C-alpha atoms as a PDB file:
ATOM      1  CA  UNK A   1       0.060   0.070   0.004  1.00  0.00           C
ATOM      2  CA  UNK A   2       1.508   3.149  -0.649  1.00  0.00           C
ATOM      3  CA  UNK A   3       2.280   5.818   1.570  1.00  0.00           C
ATOM      4  CA  UNK A   4       0.224   9.096   1.532  1.00  0.00           C
ATOM      5  CA  UNK A   5       2.890  12.261   0.638  1.00  0.00           C
ATOM      6  CA  UNK A   6       2.754  15.391   2.619  1.00  0.00           C
ATOM      7  CA  UNK A   7       4.416  18.574   1.646  1.00  0.00           C
ATOM      8  CA  UNK A   8       5.881  19.400   4.691  1.00  0.00           C
ATOM      9  CA  UNK A   9       7.613  22.999   3.878  1.00  0.00           C
ATOM     10  CA  UNK A  10       6.340  26.114   4.966  1.00  0.00           C
ATOM     11  CA  UNK A  11       8.827  28.281   2.780  1.00  0.00           C
ATOM     12  CA  UNK A  12      10.355  27.512  -0.771  1.00  0.00           C
ATOM     13  CA  UNK A  13      14.155  29.582  -0.307  1.00  0.00           C
ATOM     14  CA  UNK A  14      15.720  26.967  -2.815  1.00  0.00           C
ATOM     15  CA  UNK A  15      15.994  24.002  -4.439  1.00  0.00           C
ATOM     16  CA  UNK A  16      18.882  22.653  -2.067  1.00  0.00           C
ATOM     17  CA  UNK A  17      16.123  21.616   0.621  1.00  0.00           C
ATOM     18  CA  UNK A  18      13.725  19.955  -1.562  1.00  0.00           C
ATOM     19  CA  UNK A  19      13.988  15.991  -2.004  1.00  0.00           C
ATOM     20  CA  UNK A  20      13.184  14.111  -5.239  1.00  0.00           C
ATOM     21  CA  UNK A  21       9.495  13.511  -3.754  1.00  0.00           C
ATOM     22  CA  UNK A  22       8.935  17.232  -3.006  1.00  0.00           C
ATOM     23  CA  UNK A  23       9.854  17.983  -6.452  1.00  0.00           C
ATOM     24  CA  UNK A  24       7.950  15.503  -8.276  1.00  0.00           C
ATOM     25  CA  UNK A  25       4.960  16.563  -6.021  1.00  0.00           C
ATOM     26  CA  UNK A  26       5.319  20.245  -7.220  1.00  0.00           C
ATOM     27  CA  UNK A  27       5.946  19.277 -10.860  1.00  0.00           C
ATOM     28  CA  UNK A  28       2.752  17.165 -10.676  1.00  0.00           C
ATOM     29  CA  UNK A  29       0.659  19.724  -8.750  1.00  0.00           C
ATOM     30  CA  UNK A  30       1.879  22.445 -11.302  1.00  0.00           C
ATOM     31  CA  UNK A  31       1.019  20.322 -14.427  1.00  0.00           C
ATOM     32  CA  UNK A  32      -2.807  19.601 -12.981  1.00  0.00           C
ATOM     33  CA  UNK A  33      -2.981  23.664 -12.548  1.00  0.00           C
ATOM     34  CA  UNK A  34      -1.884  24.095 -16.487  1.00  0.00           C
ATOM     35  CA  UNK A  35      -5.836  23.774 -17.611  1.00  0.00           C
ATOM     36  CA  UNK A  36      -6.823  26.640 -15.113  1.00  0.00           C
ATOM     37  CA  UNK A  37      -4.853  28.925 -17.608  1.00  0.00           C
ATOM     38  CA  UNK A  38      -6.572  27.381 -20.682  1.00  0.00           C
ATOM     39  CA  UNK A  39      -9.926  28.151 -19.312  1.00  0.00           C
ATOM     40  CA  UNK A  40     -12.371  30.806 -20.673  1.00  0.00           C
ATOM     41  CA  UNK A  41     -12.476  32.362 -17.455  1.00  0.00           C
ATOM     42  CA  UNK A  42      -9.067  31.634 -15.602  1.00  0.00           C
ATOM     43  CA  UNK A  43     -10.116  32.057 -11.991  1.00  0.00           C
ATOM     44  CA  UNK A  44     -10.693  29.278  -9.047  1.00  0.00           C
ATOM     45  CA  UNK A  45     -11.508  30.166  -5.464  1.00  0.00           C
ATOM     46  CA  UNK A  46      -8.722  27.944  -4.285  1.00  0.00           C
ATOM     47  CA  UNK A  47      -6.647  30.664  -2.232  1.00  0.00           C
ATOM     48  CA  UNK A  48      -9.753  32.970  -1.753  1.00  0.00           C
ATOM     49  CA  UNK A  49      -9.145  35.006   1.655  1.00  0.00           C
ATOM     50  CA  UNK A  50      -5.421  35.077   1.537  1.00  0.00           C
ATOM     51  CA  UNK A  51      -3.203  37.843   1.095  1.00  0.00           C
ATOM     52  CA  UNK A  52      -0.066  37.632  -0.944  1.00  0.00           C
ATOM     53  CA  UNK A  53       2.731  40.374  -0.890  1.00  0.00           C
ATOM     54  CA  UNK A  54       5.061  40.795  -3.850  1.00  0.00           C
ATOM     55  CA  UNK A  55       8.250  42.361  -2.292  1.00  0.00           C
ATOM     56  CA  UNK A  56      10.561  42.982  -5.038  1.00  0.00           C
ATOM     57  CA  UNK A  57      13.796  45.045  -4.382  1.00  0.00           C
ATOM     58  CA  UNK A  58      15.143  44.298  -7.847  1.00  0.00           C
ATOM     59  CA  UNK A  59      13.424  44.721 -11.469  1.00  0.00           C
ATOM     60  CA  UNK A  60      11.666  41.822 -13.059  1.00  0.00           C
ATOM     61  CA  UNK A  61       9.327  41.160 -15.753  1.00  0.00           C
ATOM     62  CA  UNK A  62       8.542  37.432 -15.836  1.00  0.00           C
ATOM     63  CA  UNK A  63       8.838  36.442 -12.223  1.00  0.00           C
ATOM     64  CA  UNK A  64       7.322  39.311 -10.630  1.00  0.00           C
ATOM     65  CA  UNK A  65       4.391  39.434 -13.312  1.00  0.00           C
ATOM     66  CA  UNK A  66       4.061  35.319 -13.105  1.00  0.00           C
ATOM     67  CA  UNK A  67       3.618  35.190  -9.338  1.00  0.00           C
ATOM     68  CA  UNK A  68       0.794  38.154  -9.623  1.00  0.00           C
ATOM     69  CA  UNK A  69      -0.905  36.112 -12.394  1.00  0.00           C
ATOM     70  CA  UNK A  70      -0.750  32.804 -10.294  1.00  0.00           C
ATOM     71  CA  UNK A  71      -1.998  34.593  -7.234  1.00  0.00           C
ATOM     72  CA  UNK A  72      -5.091  35.932  -9.227  1.00  0.00           C
ATOM     73  CA  UNK A  73      -5.936  32.971 -11.059  1.00  0.00           C
ATOM     74  CA  UNK A  74      -6.442  31.506  -7.230  1.00  0.00           C
ATOM     75  CA  UNK A  75      -8.360  34.460  -6.249  1.00  0.00           C
ATOM     76  CA  UNK A  76      -5.725  35.324  -3.385  1.00  0.00           C
ATOM     77  CA  UNK A  77      -5.980  39.204  -2.699  1.00  0.00           C
ATOM     78  CA  UNK A  78      -1.939  40.684  -3.819  1.00  0.00           C
ATOM     79  CA  UNK A  79      -0.141  43.651  -3.174  1.00  0.00           C
ATOM     80  CA  UNK A  80       3.100  45.037  -4.682  1.00  0.00           C
ATOM     81  CA  UNK A  81       6.212  46.686  -3.354  1.00  0.00           C
ATOM     82  CA  UNK A  82       8.810  47.577  -5.249  1.00  0.00           C
ATOM     83  CA  UNK A  83      12.309  48.996  -4.108  1.00  0.00           C
ATOM     84  CA  UNK A  84      11.759  52.849  -5.583  1.00  0.00           C
ATOM     85  CA  UNK A  85       8.212  52.877  -3.495  1.00  0.00           C
ATOM     86  CA  UNK A  86       9.582  51.125  -0.286  1.00  0.00           C
ATOM     87  CA  UNK A  87      10.996  52.631   2.616  1.00  0.00           C
ATOM     88  CA  UNK A  88      14.465  51.182   1.930  1.00  0.00           C
ATOM     89  CA  UNK A  89      14.926  54.366   0.425  1.00  0.00           C
ATOM     90  CA  UNK A  90      14.614  56.179   3.234  1.00  0.00           C
ATOM     91  CA  UNK A  91      16.999  54.090   4.982  1.00  0.00           C
ATOM     92  CA  UNK A  92      14.852  51.259   6.380  1.00  0.00           C
ATOM     93  CA  UNK A  93      16.597  47.754   7.001  1.00  0.00           C
ATOM     94  CA  UNK A  94      15.035  44.741   5.415  1.00  0.00           C
ATOM     95  CA  UNK A  95      14.041  43.521   8.860  1.00  0.00           C
ATOM     96  CA  UNK A  96      12.187  46.160   9.995  1.00  0.00           C
ATOM     97  CA  UNK A  97      10.263  46.390   6.489  1.00  0.00           C
ATOM     98  CA  UNK A  98       9.491  42.830   6.990  1.00  0.00           C
ATOM     99  CA  UNK A  99       8.098  43.312  10.703  1.00  0.00           C
ATOM    100  CA  UNK A 100       5.879  46.033   9.250  1.00  0.00           C
ATOM    101  CA  UNK A 101       4.601  43.965   6.907  1.00  0.00           C
ATOM    102  CA  UNK A 102       3.898  41.147   9.135  1.00  0.00           C
ATOM    103  CA  UNK A 103       1.993  43.164  11.175  1.00  0.00           C
ATOM    104  CA  UNK A 104      -0.279  43.299   8.602  1.00  0.00           C
ATOM    105  CA  UNK A 105      -0.802  39.897   8.762  1.00  0.00           C
ATOM    106  CA  UNK A 106      -0.192  38.581   5.237  1.00  0.00           C
ATOM    107  CA  UNK A 107      -0.336  34.719   4.430  1.00  0.00           C
ATOM    108  CA  UNK A 108       2.516  34.430   1.864  1.00  0.00           C
ATOM    109  CA  UNK A 109       5.524  37.081   1.111  1.00  0.00           C
ATOM    110  CA  UNK A 110       7.122  36.691  -1.973  1.00  0.00           C
ATOM    111  CA  UNK A 111      10.592  38.492  -2.024  1.00  0.00           C
ATOM    112  CA  UNK A 112      13.309  39.292  -4.842  1.00  0.00           C
ATOM    113  CA  UNK A 113      16.398  40.675  -3.390  1.00  0.00           C
ATOM    114  CA  UNK A 114      19.802  41.657  -4.546  1.00  0.00           C
ATOM    115  CA  UNK A 115      21.500  40.232  -1.555  1.00  0.00           C
ATOM    116  CA  UNK A 116      21.868  36.351  -1.277  1.00  0.00           C
ATOM    117  CA  UNK A 117      20.200  34.498   2.011  1.00  0.00           C
ATOM    118  CA  UNK A 118      17.791  37.716   2.343  1.00  0.00           C
ATOM    119  CA  UNK A 119      14.573  35.109   2.110  1.00  0.00           C
ATOM    120  CA  UNK A 120      16.193  33.200   4.643  1.00  0.00           C
ATOM    121  CA  UNK A 121      16.734  36.066   7.026  1.00  0.00           C
ATOM    122  CA  UNK A 122      13.074  37.311   6.370  1.00  0.00           C
ATOM    123  CA  UNK A 123      11.559  33.860   7.278  1.00  0.00           C
ATOM    124  CA  UNK A 124      13.024  33.857  10.476  1.00  0.00           C
ATOM    125  CA  UNK A 125      11.315  37.391  11.419  1.00  0.00           C
ATOM    126  CA  UNK A 126       7.785  37.061  10.039  1.00  0.00           C
ATOM    127  CA  UNK A 127       4.990  34.220  10.283  1.00  0.00           C
ATOM    128  CA  UNK A 128       3.843  34.504   6.803  1.00  0.00           C
ATOM    129  CA  UNK A 129       5.149  31.870   4.154  1.00  0.00           C
ATOM    130  CA  UNK A 130       8.339  33.001   2.225  1.00  0.00           C
ATOM    131  CA  UNK A 131       9.148  32.217  -1.202  1.00  0.00           C
ATOM    132  CA  UNK A 132      12.324  33.288  -2.938  1.00  0.00           C
ATOM    133  CA  UNK A 133      11.976  34.778  -5.961  1.00  0.00           C
ATOM    134  CA  UNK A 134      15.768  34.955  -6.663  1.00  0.00           C
ATOM    135  CA  UNK A 135      18.359  36.399  -3.853  1.00  0.00           C
ATOM    136  CA  UNK A 136      21.469  37.475  -5.092  1.00  0.00           C
ATOM    137  CA  UNK A 137      23.590  35.137  -6.873  1.00  0.00           C
ATOM    138  CA  UNK A 138      22.414  32.159  -4.495  1.00  0.00           C
ATOM    139  CA  UNK A 139      19.254  30.460  -5.984  1.00  0.00           C
ATOM    140  CA  UNK A 140      16.026  31.107  -8.127  1.00  0.00           C
ATOM    141  CA  UNK A 141      13.535  27.986  -7.040  1.00  0.00           C
ATOM    142  CA  UNK A 142      10.781  28.811  -8.812  1.00  0.00           C
ATOM    143  CA  UNK A 143      12.833  29.284 -12.409  1.00  0.00           C
ATOM    144  CA  UNK A 144      14.248  25.985 -11.385  1.00  0.00           C
ATOM    145  CA  UNK A 145      11.262  24.074 -11.059  1.00  0.00           C
ATOM    146  CA  UNK A 146       9.507  25.546 -14.208  1.00  0.00           C
ATOM    147  CA  UNK A 147      12.662  24.570 -16.144  1.00  0.00           C
ATOM    148  CA  UNK A 148      12.268  20.708 -15.082  1.00  0.00           C
ATOM    149  CA  UNK A 149       8.630  20.797 -15.456  1.00  0.00           C
ATOM    150  CA  UNK A 150       9.498  22.063 -19.094  1.00  0.00           C
ATOM    151  CA  UNK A 151      11.965  19.383 -19.999  1.00  0.00           C
ATOM    152  CA  UNK A 152       9.742  16.834 -18.329  1.00  0.00           C
ATOM    153  CA  UNK A 153       6.927  17.383 -20.456  1.00  0.00           C
ATOM    154  CA  UNK A 154       8.985  16.975 -23.606  1.00  0.00           C
ATOM    155  CA  UNK A 155      11.162  14.316 -22.569  1.00  0.00           C
ATOM    156  CA  UNK A 156       9.196  12.355 -20.305  1.00  0.00           C
ATOM    157  CA  UNK A 157      11.346  12.089 -17.682  1.00  0.00           C
ATOM    158  CA  UNK A 158      14.446  13.805 -16.249  1.00  0.00           C
ATOM    159  CA  UNK A 159      16.710  11.455 -15.311  1.00  0.00           C
ATOM    160  CA  UNK A 160      19.581   9.897 -17.766  1.00  0.00           C
ATOM    161  CA  UNK A 161      19.314  13.453 -19.697  1.00  0.00           C
ATOM    162  CA  UNK A 162      22.315  15.783 -20.428  1.00  0.00           C
ATOM    163  CA  UNK A 163      21.760  19.387 -19.625  1.00  0.00           C
ATOM    164  CA  UNK A 164      24.109  21.665 -20.722  1.00  0.00           C
ATOM    165  CA  UNK A 165      24.084  25.143 -19.373  1.00  0.00           C
ATOM    166  CA  UNK A 166      26.574  28.069 -21.474  1.00  0.00           C
ATOM    167  CA  UNK A 167      27.347  31.504 -20.008  1.00  0.00           C
ATOM    168  CA  UNK A 168      27.543  33.202 -16.879  1.00  0.00           C
ATOM    169  CA  UNK A 169      27.340  30.842 -14.055  1.00  0.00           C
ATOM    170  CA  UNK A 170      29.239  32.269 -11.518  1.00  0.00           C
ATOM    171  CA  UNK A 171      26.521  35.491 -11.321  1.00  0.00           C
ATOM    172  CA  UNK A 172      23.289  33.237 -12.391  1.00  0.00           C
ATOM    173  CA  UNK A 173      20.971  32.375  -9.686  1.00  0.00           C
ATOM    174  CA  UNK A 174      18.962  30.215 -12.225  1.00  0.00           C
ATOM    175  CA  UNK A 175      22.115  28.259 -12.886  1.00  0.00           C
ATOM    176  CA  UNK A 176      22.663  27.211  -9.337  1.00  0.00           C
ATOM    177  CA  UNK A 177      19.016  26.323  -8.994  1.00  0.00           C
ATOM    178  CA  UNK A 178      18.823  23.959 -11.851  1.00  0.00           C
ATOM    179  CA  UNK A 179      22.387  22.357 -11.460  1.00  0.00           C
ATOM    180  CA  UNK A 180      20.862  21.570  -7.976  1.00  0.00           C
ATOM    181  CA  UNK A 181      17.308  20.409  -9.275  1.00  0.00           C
ATOM    182  CA  UNK A 182      18.521  18.507 -12.671  1.00  0.00           C
ATOM    183  CA  UNK A 183      20.996  16.527 -10.715  1.00  0.00           C
ATOM    184  CA  UNK A 184      18.909  15.868  -8.040  1.00  0.00           C
ATOM    185  CA  UNK A 185      16.435  14.432 -10.412  1.00  0.00           C
ATOM    186  CA  UNK A 186      19.107  12.291 -12.181  1.00  0.00           C
ATOM    187  CA  UNK A 187      20.056  14.122 -15.076  1.00  0.00           C
ATOM    188  CA  UNK A 188      23.820  15.002 -15.747  1.00  0.00           C
ATOM    189  CA  UNK A 189      24.561  18.637 -15.927  1.00  0.00           C
ATOM    190  CA  UNK A 190      27.547  20.013 -18.056  1.00  0.00           C
ATOM    191  CA  UNK A 191      28.493  23.902 -17.963  1.00  0.00           C
ATOM    192  CA  UNK A 192      30.604  26.040 -20.137  1.00  0.00           C
ATOM    193  CA  UNK A 193      31.452  29.903 -20.020  1.00  0.00           C
ATOM    194  CA  UNK A 194      34.638  32.288 -19.993  1.00  0.00           C
ATOM    195  CA  UNK A 195      36.773  31.006 -16.968  1.00  0.00           C
ATOM    196  CA  UNK A 196      36.177  34.206 -15.218  1.00  0.00           C
ATOM    197  CA  UNK A 197      32.493  33.601 -14.950  1.00  0.00           C
ATOM    198  CA  UNK A 198      33.013  29.479 -13.763  1.00  0.00           C
ATOM    199  CA  UNK A 199      32.953  29.372  -9.748  1.00  0.00           C
ATOM    200  CA  UNK A 200      35.485  26.854  -8.592  1.00  0.00           C
ATOM    201  CA  UNK A 201      33.006  24.588  -6.233  1.00  0.00           C
ATOM    202  CA  UNK A 202      30.552  23.600  -9.236  1.00  0.00           C
ATOM    203  CA  UNK A 203      31.320  19.708  -8.623  1.00  0.00           C
ATOM    204  CA  UNK A 204      29.917  20.201  -5.269  1.00  0.00           C
ATOM    205  CA  UNK A 205      26.593  21.211  -6.834  1.00  0.00           C
ATOM    206  CA  UNK A 206      26.713  18.256  -8.944  1.00  0.00           C
ATOM    207  CA  UNK A 207      27.685  19.779 -12.369  1.00  0.00           C
ATOM    208  CA  UNK A 208      30.957  19.120 -14.810  1.00  0.00           C
ATOM    209  CA  UNK A 209      32.858  22.169 -16.318  1.00  0.00           C
ATOM    210  CA  UNK A 210      33.564  21.416 -19.997  1.00  0.00           C
ATOM    211  CA  UNK A 211      36.656  22.716 -21.843  1.00  0.00           C
ATOM    212  CA  UNK A 212      34.654  23.836 -25.142  1.00  0.00           C
ATOM    213  CA  UNK A 213      31.498  24.857 -26.551  1.00  0.00           C
ATOM    214  CA  UNK A 214      31.629  21.730 -28.552  1.00  0.00           C
ATOM    215  CA  UNK A 215      31.982  19.286 -25.770  1.00  0.00           C
ATOM    216  CA  UNK A 216      29.098  20.979 -23.739  1.00  0.00           C
ATOM    217  CA  UNK A 217      26.586  21.066 -26.258  1.00  0.00           C
ATOM    218  CA  UNK A 218      27.091  17.682 -27.957  1.00  0.00           C
ATOM    219  CA  UNK A 219      24.747  15.060 -27.896  1.00  0.00           C
ATOM    220  CA  UNK A 220      23.184  17.540 -24.915  1.00  0.00           C
ATOM    221  CA  UNK A 221      19.174  16.999 -24.451  1.00  0.00           C
ATOM    222  CA  UNK A 222      19.063  20.692 -23.609  1.00  0.00           C
ATOM    223  CA  UNK A 223      20.607  23.422 -24.169  1.00  0.00           C
ATOM    224  CA  UNK A 224      20.324  25.961 -21.815  1.00  0.00           C
ATOM    225  CA  UNK A 225      22.154  29.699 -22.470  1.00  0.00           C
ATOM    226  CA  UNK A 226      22.469  32.379 -19.714  1.00  0.00           C
ATOM    227  CA  UNK A 227      22.629  36.284 -20.126  1.00  0.00           C
ATOM    228  CA  UNK A 228      25.744  38.157 -18.941  1.00  0.00           C
ATOM    229  CA  UNK A 229      24.834  39.888 -16.111  1.00  0.00           C
ATOM    230  CA  UNK A 230      26.274  43.296 -16.248  1.00  0.00           C
ATOM    231  CA  UNK A 231      24.611  44.475 -13.168  1.00  0.00           C
ATOM    232  CA  UNK A 232      26.576  42.079 -10.586  1.00  0.00           C
ATOM    233  CA  UNK A 233      30.158  42.865 -12.437  1.00  0.00           C
ATOM    234  CA  UNK A 234      32.010  45.482 -10.800  1.00  0.00           C
ATOM    235  CA  UNK A 235      34.879  45.178 -13.371  1.00  0.00           C
ATOM    236  CA  UNK A 236      34.106  43.741 -16.926  1.00  0.00           C
ATOM    237  CA  UNK A 237      34.895  39.855 -16.801  1.00  0.00           C
ATOM    238  CA  UNK A 238      34.910  39.616 -20.647  1.00  0.00           C
ATOM    239  CA  UNK A 239      36.570  41.569 -23.393  1.00  0.00           C
ATOM    240  CA  UNK A 240      33.548  42.646 -25.069  1.00  0.00           C
ATOM    241  CA  UNK A 241      29.868  41.347 -25.933  1.00  0.00           C
ATOM    242  CA  UNK A 242      31.191  40.698 -29.775  1.00  0.00           C
ATOM    243  CA  UNK A 243      34.085  38.278 -28.494  1.00  0.00           C
ATOM    244  CA  UNK A 244      31.461  36.306 -26.030  1.00  0.00           C
ATOM    245  CA  UNK A 245      29.337  36.153 -28.775  1.00  0.00           C
ATOM    246  CA  UNK A 246      31.982  34.308 -31.270  1.00  0.00           C
ATOM    247  CA  UNK A 247      33.133  32.387 -28.436  1.00  0.00           C
ATOM    248  CA  UNK A 248      30.323  31.368 -26.170  1.00  0.00           C
ATOM    249  CA  UNK A 249      26.831  32.553 -28.733  1.00  0.00           C
ATOM    250  CA  UNK A 250      24.612  29.673 -29.535  1.00  0.00           C
ATOM    251  CA  UNK A 251      24.067  29.808 -33.262  1.00  0.00           C
ATOM    252  CA  UNK A 252      22.717  26.908 -35.437  1.00  0.00           C
ATOM    253  CA  UNK A 253      25.850  25.452 -36.092  1.00  0.00           C
ATOM    254  CA  UNK A 254      26.167  24.750 -32.569  1.00  0.00           C
ATOM    255  CA  UNK A 255      22.827  23.870 -31.877  1.00  0.00           C
ATOM    256  CA  UNK A 256      23.296  21.243 -34.169  1.00  0.00           C
ATOM    257  CA  UNK A 257      26.079  19.474 -32.164  1.00  0.00           C
ATOM    258  CA  UNK A 258      23.078  18.529 -29.705  1.00  0.00           C
ATOM    259  CA  UNK A 259      20.665  15.779 -30.336  1.00  0.00           C
ATOM    260  CA  UNK A 260      18.453  16.326 -33.239  1.00  0.00           C
ATOM    261  CA  UNK A 261      15.413  16.687 -30.631  1.00  0.00           C
ATOM    262  CA  UNK A 262      17.487  18.775 -28.101  1.00  0.00           C
ATOM    263  CA  UNK A 263      15.302  21.707 -26.182  1.00  0.00           C
ATOM    264  CA  UNK A 264      16.556  25.358 -26.738  1.00  0.00           C
ATOM    265  CA  UNK A 265      16.137  26.966 -23.268  1.00  0.00           C
ATOM    266  CA  UNK A 266      16.755  30.729 -21.718  1.00  0.00           C
ATOM    267  CA  UNK A 267      15.350  31.696 -18.253  1.00  0.00           C
ATOM    268  CA  UNK A 268      15.177  35.532 -20.091  1.00  0.00           C
ATOM    269  CA  UNK A 269      15.549  38.252 -20.602  1.00  0.00           C
ATOM    270  CA  UNK A 270      17.689  37.101 -23.989  1.00  0.00           C
ATOM    271  CA  UNK A 271      20.487  39.399 -24.990  1.00  0.00           C
ATOM    272  CA  UNK A 272      19.800  38.603 -28.926  1.00  0.00           C
ATOM    273  CA  UNK A 273      22.964  38.283 -30.864  1.00  0.00           C
ATOM    274  CA  UNK A 274      25.031  37.708 -27.654  1.00  0.00           C
ATOM    275  CA  UNK A 275      24.380  34.297 -26.211  1.00  0.00           C
ATOM    276  CA  UNK A 276      21.445  33.385 -28.440  1.00  0.00           C
ATOM    277  CA  UNK A 277      21.573  34.077 -31.977  1.00  0.00           C
ATOM    278  CA  UNK A 278      17.619  35.049 -33.142  1.00  0.00           C
ATOM    279  CA  UNK A 279      16.991  32.387 -35.675  1.00  0.00           C
ATOM    280  CA  UNK A 280      17.521  29.810 -32.657  1.00  0.00           C
ATOM    281  CA  UNK A 281      15.787  31.582 -30.071  1.00  0.00           C
ATOM    282  CA  UNK A 282      12.701  31.299 -32.596  1.00  0.00           C
ATOM    283  CA  UNK A 283      13.443  28.262 -33.852  1.00  0.00           C
ATOM    284  CA  UNK A 284      11.604  25.201 -33.792  1.00  0.00           C
ATOM    285  CA  UNK A 285      13.563  23.396 -30.813  1.00  0.00           C
ATOM    286  CA  UNK A 286      12.901  26.447 -28.687  1.00  0.00           C
ATOM    287  CA  UNK A 287      10.774  26.002 -25.606  1.00  0.00           C
ATOM    288  CA  UNK A 288      11.432  29.725 -24.004  1.00  0.00           C
ATOM    289  CA  UNK A 289       7.835  30.355 -24.152  1.00  0.00           C
ATOM    290  CA  UNK A 290       6.669  27.237 -22.834  1.00  0.00           C
ATOM    291  CA  UNK A 291       8.816  28.219 -19.733  1.00  0.00           C
ATOM    292  CA  UNK A 292       6.785  31.107 -19.414  1.00  0.00           C
ATOM    293  CA  UNK A 293       3.878  29.607 -19.320  1.00  0.00           C
ATOM    294  CA  UNK A 294       4.748  27.007 -17.055  1.00  0.00           C
ATOM    295  CA  UNK A 295       6.317  29.607 -14.765  1.00  0.00           C
ATOM    296  CA  UNK A 296       2.633  30.636 -14.191  1.00  0.00           C
ATOM    297  CA  UNK A 297       1.550  27.187 -13.125  1.00  0.00           C
ATOM    298  CA  UNK A 298       4.616  26.101 -11.017  1.00  0.00           C
ATOM    299  CA  UNK A 299       3.833  29.396  -8.979  1.00  0.00           C
ATOM    300  CA  UNK A 300       0.386  28.557  -8.491  1.00  0.00           C
ATOM    301  CA  UNK A 301       1.478  25.126  -7.180  1.00  0.00           C
ATOM    302  CA  UNK A 302       3.968  26.733  -4.715  1.00  0.00           C
ATOM    303  CA  UNK A 303       1.667  29.261  -3.573  1.00  0.00           C
ATOM    304  CA  UNK A 304      -1.267  26.437  -3.223  1.00  0.00           C
ATOM    305  CA  UNK A 305       1.432  24.076  -1.415  1.00  0.00           C
ATOM    306  CA  UNK A 306       2.773  26.340   1.302  1.00  0.00           C
ATOM    307  CA  UNK A 307      -0.665  27.162   2.680  1.00  0.00           C
ATOM    308  CA  UNK A 308      -0.844  23.560   3.863  1.00  0.00           C
ATOM    309  CA  UNK A 309      -2.704  22.030   0.851  1.00  0.00           C
ATOM    310  CA  UNK A 310      -0.862  18.976  -0.243  1.00  0.00           C
END
């Protein structure tokens, strides 16, 4: 007799603390929510009466809007705070901001912050559930989960796949969450990029560093490119974008080294013509817009589950 599964996590702070069963349950729950977004009336009463705060201290299009759409489709009351309109501009600390928000009794706080560990700090000072929407260069768990959902939908599995990740690994919280998630689910993750943008401890996360673009892409089931994160570099770590595109950009020729049915992925925003050429980004193997669609479903699942709904 199968044991009933119970999702026990109050907060979603990273992929690192999620088990294989947790990830499977989140992805299965997200799949069940995808149907809601295809209805003529895209709303269910699942989280009616719950209050959700979007606390974004960094610019965001996809993640912020995706969480807002997810919450509204489940009938939650949502409110947004950005860095420019918060009291942080007057010198208020994150803890004081959190305590003041907590005094209004929200049910969930979704936070994006430039400092790694900010969601963990927040979770120790509020009673609300906390979901990490990206913290510094640490993690972006919901992006990692939607990437896994997208791959699983196309490949039917996650175990035994070769995942190639190319670009600014050092500053990419998406790369960290994807490496942790895909390797935990049985995929092999290979990375490549400028030596200045490859961290030293990737093997501890479960990734193999390759020495050439062909090595990382060859026979890959998934080819994911990452944006050069200029905003996180005090000093330029690459000579120029033109040189980067020549050495690390994924062209149609580069994509041909992967398996014929390999998926082309990117977490966005894309610097077209630099990390990914337009004809590849818009080509038949690209699932970039499907990632965006799946982002809403995954975030609906996370909101649902942290409220104690297993």
